[in-house]
Amino acid sequence: MLELISILAALVVCILIPIEVGKIRNGWVRKQFAGDRPKFLAAYRKQLKMLMWLGLVFGVLGIGLAFVEAQRGEAIVKLVAAFIWFAVSGISFFALRQLANVPDTEPAGRASA
């Protein structure tokens, strides 16, 4: 059951990261965030770095646990989960590279309230 929750959470992250990065590139800042845009971008970049390393670690651990697993079906599930976590790591890496080109200031044409 824990593996299923992990797989579903990783899939949600794989879908939401590109959507949020696209919004951020257009000037979006999460409404619940207390700081300004530069602080939001710094916090989001930090979050992406964490997800990148977490995906890499969980992917490697999943492959390692798949080789130790006694039942064949369980090994396949662990390999699928590891692949999805590697996808989280890769998507986070490329999203971080896209955000590196985003300026910390408000985009032109947007007035801050």
Protein backbone atom coordinates (compact mmCIF):
# COMPACT_ATOMS: atom_id res chain seq x y z
CA MET A 1 0.00 0.00 0.00
CA LEU A 2 2.86 2.38 0.77
CA GLU A 3 4.39 1.70 -2.62
CA LEU A 4 1.10 2.52 -4.32
CA ILE A 5 0.87 5.84 -2.45
CA SER A 6 4.49 6.58 -3.38
CA ILE A 7 3.85 5.81 -7.05
CA LEU A 8 0.70 7.96 -7.16
CA ALA A 9 2.43 10.86 -5.40
CA ALA A 10 5.37 10.67 -7.80
CA LEU A 11 3.02 10.66 -10.81
CA VAL A 12 1.20 13.73 -9.47
CA VAL A 13 4.55 15.49 -9.02
CA CYS A 14 5.53 14.56 -12.60
CA ILE A 15 2.36 16.23 -13.87
CA LEU A 16 2.34 19.30 -11.61
CA ILE A 17 5.97 20.42 -11.94
CA PRO A 18 5.78 21.31 -15.66
CA ILE A 19 2.43 23.04 -15.15
CA GLU A 20 3.71 25.17 -12.26
CA VAL A 21 6.99 25.99 -14.01
CA GLY A 22 5.03 27.23 -17.02
CA LYS A 23 2.96 29.46 -14.76
CA ILE A 24 6.04 30.74 -12.94
CA ARG A 25 7.71 31.63 -16.23
CA ASN A 26 4.65 33.80 -16.97
CA GLY A 27 4.92 35.63 -13.65
CA TRP A 28 2.76 33.52 -11.33
CA VAL A 29 3.43 33.49 -7.59
CA ARG A 30 1.50 31.20 -5.25
CA LYS A 31 -1.11 33.23 -3.32
CA GLN A 32 -0.32 31.54 -0.01
CA PHE A 33 3.34 32.54 -0.24
CA ALA A 34 4.14 35.33 2.22
CA GLY A 35 7.17 36.80 0.43
CA ASP A 36 7.76 38.54 -2.87
CA ARG A 37 8.64 37.01 -6.26
CA PRO A 38 12.43 36.69 -5.72
CA LYS A 39 11.87 34.85 -2.43
CA PHE A 40 9.24 32.63 -4.07
CA LEU A 41 11.60 31.74 -6.91
CA ALA A 42 14.39 30.94 -4.45
CA ALA A 43 12.07 28.73 -2.38
CA TYR A 44 10.72 26.97 -5.49
CA ARG A 45 14.24 26.35 -6.83
CA LYS A 46 15.19 24.89 -3.45
CA GLN A 47 12.12 22.64 -3.59
CA LEU A 48 13.04 21.45 -7.08
CA LYS A 49 16.61 20.67 -5.97
CA MET A 50 15.22 18.62 -3.10
CA LEU A 51 12.86 16.72 -5.41
CA MET A 52 15.68 16.11 -7.87
CA TRP A 53 17.89 14.48 -5.23
CA LEU A 54 14.98 12.71 -3.54
CA GLY A 55 13.90 11.17 -6.86
CA LEU A 56 17.44 10.03 -7.53
CA VAL A 57 17.80 8.45 -4.08
CA PHE A 58 14.39 6.75 -4.18
CA GLY A 59 15.11 5.48 -7.69
CA VAL A 60 18.43 3.94 -6.67
CA LEU A 61 16.89 2.47 -3.52
CA GLY A 62 14.02 1.02 -5.57
CA ILE A 63 16.43 -0.73 -7.93
CA GLY A 64 18.44 -2.04 -4.99
CA LEU A 65 15.34 -3.34 -3.24
CA ALA A 66 14.10 -4.96 -6.45
CA PHE A 67 17.21 -7.15 -6.58
CA VAL A 68 16.74 -8.20 -2.95
CA GLU A 69 13.01 -8.95 -3.30
CA ALA A 70 12.10 -12.64 -3.14
CA GLN A 71 8.85 -12.48 -5.12
CA ARG A 72 9.08 -11.68 -8.82
CA GLY A 73 5.95 -9.53 -8.92
CA GLU A 74 7.16 -7.34 -6.10
CA ALA A 75 10.45 -6.77 -7.89
CA ILE A 76 8.59 -5.53 -10.98
CA VAL A 77 6.54 -3.08 -8.88
CA LYS A 78 9.71 -1.77 -7.24
CA LEU A 79 11.37 -1.30 -10.63
CA VAL A 80 8.33 0.60 -11.94
CA ALA A 81 8.36 2.81 -8.84
CA ALA A 82 12.11 3.39 -9.27
CA PHE A 83 11.58 4.40 -12.90
CA ILE A 84 8.87 6.88 -11.88
CA TRP A 85 11.13 8.37 -9.20
CA PHE A 86 13.90 8.74 -11.77
CA ALA A 87 11.34 10.58 -13.92
CA VAL A 88 10.63 12.92 -10.98
CA SER A 89 14.36 13.55 -10.69
CA GLY A 90 14.74 14.25 -14.41
CA ILE A 91 11.70 16.51 -14.63
CA SER A 92 12.90 18.45 -11.59
CA PHE A 93 16.35 18.81 -13.13
CA PHE A 94 15.02 20.22 -16.40
CA ALA A 95 12.51 22.45 -14.58
CA LEU A 96 15.36 23.83 -12.48
CA ARG A 97 17.30 24.61 -15.67
CA GLN A 98 14.27 26.41 -17.10
CA LEU A 99 13.86 28.48 -13.95
CA ALA A 100 17.52 29.46 -14.10
CA ASN A 101 16.62 31.67 -17.08
CA VAL A 102 13.65 33.31 -15.32
CA PRO A 103 14.44 36.79 -13.95
CA ASP A 104 13.61 37.50 -10.32
CA THR A 105 11.67 40.64 -11.21
CA GLU A 106 8.05 40.91 -12.25
CA PRO A 107 7.48 40.23 -15.98
CA ALA A 108 6.76 43.28 -18.16
CA GLY A 109 3.11 44.25 -18.28
CA ARG A 110 2.28 42.92 -14.81
CA ALA A 111 1.81 45.34 -11.98
CA SER A 112 2.21 44.08 -8.45
CA ALA A 113 -0.62 44.95 -6.10
